Amino acid sequence: MKEDNRKECWVLGEKVDENEQVCFEIISNAGTAKSLAMEAFYAAKEKDYESANLKLKEANSYYVQAHKTHASLVQKEAEGDHVKLSLLLVHAESQLMSTETIYQLVVEMIEMYKEFRK
């Protein structure tokens, strides 16, 4: 298994366990990716396709990081190390899935904008 470089995380004076920390990472990266995808959409709406493409590229990098972090949980489970199911994990996975959906829709909508504006 690869080395984990996570540092201890404390919230309101309590240590956050590793699975919670992983969930927070997924939520943070997926949320940033989703926000950037929406910024790309708004840029394209204003016909600023260069900015839209840059925002999409940045959004994708955050999404990839969220996906890799999620994959580490799946790998952990596959190796027999039970991952505790929690509302936080469900929320993290929900954010990851909705980000992927929004990202793909924004890409398609930007292409539609370009096509309709020819």
C-alpha atoms as a PDB file:
ATOM      1  CA  MET A   1       0.000   0.000   0.000  1.00  0.00           C
ATOM      2  CA  LYS A   2       1.294   3.457  -0.797  1.00  0.00           C
ATOM      3  CA  GLU A   3       2.408   5.870   1.881  1.00  0.00           C
ATOM      4  CA  ASP A   4      -0.265   8.172   3.286  1.00  0.00           C
ATOM      5  CA  ASN A   5       0.920  11.761   3.690  1.00  0.00           C
ATOM      6  CA  ARG A   6      -2.137  13.009   5.586  1.00  0.00           C
ATOM      7  CA  LYS A   7      -1.474  14.993   8.722  1.00  0.00           C
ATOM      8  CA  GLU A   8      -3.593  14.848  11.849  1.00  0.00           C
ATOM      9  CA  CYS A   9      -6.743  16.917  11.559  1.00  0.00           C
ATOM     10  CA  TRP A  10      -8.626  18.455  14.479  1.00  0.00           C
ATOM     11  CA  VAL A  11     -12.142  19.936  14.414  1.00  0.00           C
ATOM     12  CA  LEU A  12     -13.602  21.691  17.460  1.00  0.00           C
ATOM     13  CA  GLY A  13     -10.928  20.172  19.675  1.00  0.00           C
ATOM     14  CA  GLU A  14     -11.510  16.595  18.525  1.00  0.00           C
ATOM     15  CA  LYS A  15      -9.227  14.523  16.356  1.00  0.00           C
ATOM     16  CA  VAL A  16     -10.817  13.596  13.028  1.00  0.00           C
ATOM     17  CA  ASP A  17     -10.312   9.941  12.099  1.00  0.00           C
ATOM     18  CA  GLU A  18      -8.680   8.974   8.811  1.00  0.00           C
ATOM     19  CA  ASN A  19     -11.924   8.015   7.052  1.00  0.00           C
ATOM     20  CA  GLU A  20     -13.534  11.329   8.015  1.00  0.00           C
ATOM     21  CA  GLN A  21     -10.487  13.197   6.767  1.00  0.00           C
ATOM     22  CA  VAL A  22     -10.679  11.341   3.448  1.00  0.00           C
ATOM     23  CA  CYS A  23     -14.371  12.260   3.186  1.00  0.00           C
ATOM     24  CA  PHE A  24     -13.569  15.922   3.830  1.00  0.00           C
ATOM     25  CA  GLU A  25     -10.925  15.803   1.079  1.00  0.00           C
ATOM     26  CA  ILE A  26     -13.426  14.347  -1.389  1.00  0.00           C
ATOM     27  CA  ILE A  27     -16.074  16.925  -0.459  1.00  0.00           C
ATOM     28  CA  SER A  28     -13.616  19.811  -0.722  1.00  0.00           C
ATOM     29  CA  ASN A  29     -12.115  18.790  -4.057  1.00  0.00           C
ATOM     30  CA  ALA A  30     -15.459  17.818  -5.586  1.00  0.00           C
ATOM     31  CA  GLY A  31     -17.015  21.077  -4.416  1.00  0.00           C
ATOM     32  CA  THR A  32     -14.192  23.130  -5.890  1.00  0.00           C
ATOM     33  CA  ALA A  33     -14.459  21.211  -9.162  1.00  0.00           C
ATOM     34  CA  LYS A  34     -18.214  21.789  -9.287  1.00  0.00           C
ATOM     35  CA  SER A  35     -17.815  25.527  -8.632  1.00  0.00           C
ATOM     36  CA  LEU A  36     -15.163  25.829 -11.333  1.00  0.00           C
ATOM     37  CA  ALA A  37     -17.351  23.958 -13.814  1.00  0.00           C
ATOM     38  CA  MET A  38     -20.162  26.413 -13.143  1.00  0.00           C
ATOM     39  CA  GLU A  39     -17.735  29.326 -13.569  1.00  0.00           C
ATOM     40  CA  ALA A  40     -16.800  27.814 -16.939  1.00  0.00           C
ATOM     41  CA  PHE A  41     -20.473  27.679 -17.878  1.00  0.00           C
ATOM     42  CA  TYR A  42     -21.005  31.342 -16.957  1.00  0.00           C
ATOM     43  CA  ALA A  43     -17.875  32.353 -18.881  1.00  0.00           C
ATOM     44  CA  ALA A  44     -19.130  30.533 -21.979  1.00  0.00           C
ATOM     45  CA  LYS A  45     -22.511  32.190 -21.569  1.00  0.00           C
ATOM     46  CA  GLU A  46     -20.644  35.507 -21.910  1.00  0.00           C
ATOM     47  CA  LYS A  47     -18.808  34.112 -24.986  1.00  0.00           C
ATOM     48  CA  ASP A  48     -15.493  33.911 -23.103  1.00  0.00           C
ATOM     49  CA  TYR A  49     -14.560  30.434 -24.326  1.00  0.00           C
ATOM     50  CA  GLU A  50     -10.880  30.807 -23.477  1.00  0.00           C
ATOM     51  CA  SER A  51     -11.688  31.410 -19.814  1.00  0.00           C
ATOM     52  CA  ALA A  52     -14.283  28.631 -19.908  1.00  0.00           C
ATOM     53  CA  ASN A  53     -11.695  26.147 -21.170  1.00  0.00           C
ATOM     54  CA  LEU A  54      -9.218  27.169 -18.465  1.00  0.00           C
ATOM     55  CA  LYS A  55     -11.889  26.787 -15.784  1.00  0.00           C
ATOM     56  CA  LEU A  56     -12.840  23.350 -17.117  1.00  0.00           C
ATOM     57  CA  LYS A  57      -9.219  22.238 -17.096  1.00  0.00           C
ATOM     58  CA  GLU A  58      -8.822  23.409 -13.497  1.00  0.00           C
ATOM     59  CA  ALA A  59     -12.147  21.810 -12.520  1.00  0.00           C
ATOM     60  CA  ASN A  60     -11.000  18.526 -14.007  1.00  0.00           C
ATOM     61  CA  SER A  61      -7.797  18.541 -11.951  1.00  0.00           C
ATOM     62  CA  TYR A  62      -9.810  18.938  -8.730  1.00  0.00           C
ATOM     63  CA  TYR A  63     -12.270  16.261  -9.841  1.00  0.00           C
ATOM     64  CA  VAL A  64      -9.424  13.840 -10.596  1.00  0.00           C
ATOM     65  CA  GLN A  65      -7.995  14.423  -7.122  1.00  0.00           C
ATOM     66  CA  ALA A  66     -11.394  13.790  -5.515  1.00  0.00           C
ATOM     67  CA  HIS A  67     -11.776  10.623  -7.587  1.00  0.00           C
ATOM     68  CA  LYS A  68      -8.304   9.376  -6.613  1.00  0.00           C
ATOM     69  CA  THR A  69      -9.069   9.974  -2.952  1.00  0.00           C
ATOM     70  CA  HIS A  70     -12.346   8.058  -3.315  1.00  0.00           C
ATOM     71  CA  ALA A  71     -10.517   5.253  -5.117  1.00  0.00           C
ATOM     72  CA  SER A  72      -8.187   4.944  -2.120  1.00  0.00           C
ATOM     73  CA  LEU A  73     -11.234   4.150   0.036  1.00  0.00           C
ATOM     74  CA  VAL A  74     -12.469   1.572  -2.459  1.00  0.00           C
ATOM     75  CA  GLN A  75      -9.000   0.006  -2.568  1.00  0.00           C
ATOM     76  CA  LYS A  76      -8.874  -0.089   1.230  1.00  0.00           C
ATOM     77  CA  GLU A  77     -12.207  -1.918   1.316  1.00  0.00           C
ATOM     78  CA  ALA A  78     -11.078  -4.328  -1.435  1.00  0.00           C
ATOM     79  CA  GLU A  79      -8.006  -5.182   0.634  1.00  0.00           C
ATOM     80  CA  GLY A  80     -10.248  -6.295   3.477  1.00  0.00           C
ATOM     81  CA  ASP A  81      -9.934  -3.168   5.625  1.00  0.00           C
ATOM     82  CA  HIS A  82     -13.569  -2.309   6.345  1.00  0.00           C
ATOM     83  CA  VAL A  83     -14.504   1.311   5.624  1.00  0.00           C
ATOM     84  CA  LYS A  84     -17.052   2.632   8.116  1.00  0.00           C
ATOM     85  CA  LEU A  85     -20.233   3.719   6.360  1.00  0.00           C
ATOM     86  CA  SER A  86     -21.304   7.138   7.594  1.00  0.00           C
ATOM     87  CA  LEU A  87     -23.511   9.999   6.543  1.00  0.00           C
ATOM     88  CA  LEU A  88     -20.313  11.917   5.807  1.00  0.00           C
ATOM     89  CA  LEU A  89     -19.160   9.220   3.362  1.00  0.00           C
ATOM     90  CA  VAL A  90     -22.581   9.165   1.685  1.00  0.00           C
ATOM     91  CA  HIS A  91     -22.401  12.960   1.339  1.00  0.00           C
ATOM     92  CA  ALA A  92     -18.868  12.750  -0.106  1.00  0.00           C
ATOM     93  CA  GLU A  93     -19.953  10.197  -2.698  1.00  0.00           C
ATOM     94  CA  SER A  94     -23.037  12.247  -3.539  1.00  0.00           C
ATOM     95  CA  GLN A  95     -20.875  15.330  -4.103  1.00  0.00           C
ATOM     96  CA  LEU A  96     -18.486  13.339  -6.284  1.00  0.00           C
ATOM     97  CA  MET A  97     -21.304  11.962  -8.454  1.00  0.00           C
ATOM     98  CA  SER A  98     -23.081  15.296  -8.827  1.00  0.00           C
ATOM     99  CA  THR A  99     -19.801  16.968  -9.749  1.00  0.00           C
ATOM    100  CA  GLU A 100     -19.203  14.444 -12.516  1.00  0.00           C
ATOM    101  CA  THR A 101     -22.722  14.990 -13.847  1.00  0.00           C
ATOM    102  CA  ILE A 102     -22.478  18.774 -13.748  1.00  0.00           C
ATOM    103  CA  TYR A 103     -19.021  18.741 -15.337  1.00  0.00           C
ATOM    104  CA  GLN A 104     -20.203  16.593 -18.249  1.00  0.00           C
ATOM    105  CA  LEU A 105     -23.327  18.697 -18.758  1.00  0.00           C
ATOM    106  CA  VAL A 106     -21.315  21.929 -18.734  1.00  0.00           C
ATOM    107  CA  VAL A 107     -18.929  20.545 -21.360  1.00  0.00           C
ATOM    108  CA  GLU A 108     -21.885  19.634 -23.581  1.00  0.00           C
ATOM    109  CA  MET A 109     -23.658  22.942 -23.007  1.00  0.00           C
ATOM    110  CA  ILE A 110     -20.541  24.908 -23.915  1.00  0.00           C
ATOM    111  CA  GLU A 111     -20.371  22.955 -27.169  1.00  0.00           C
ATOM    112  CA  MET A 112     -24.034  23.785 -27.770  1.00  0.00           C
ATOM    113  CA  TYR A 113     -23.362  27.479 -27.151  1.00  0.00           C
ATOM    114  CA  LYS A 114     -20.557  27.372 -29.707  1.00  0.00           C
ATOM    115  CA  GLU A 115     -22.697  25.554 -32.265  1.00  0.00           C
ATOM    116  CA  PHE A 116     -25.728  27.811 -31.894  1.00  0.00           C
ATOM    117  CA  ARG A 117     -23.625  30.964 -32.089  1.00  0.00           C
ATOM    118  CA  LYS A 118     -21.999  30.110 -35.415  1.00  0.00           C
END
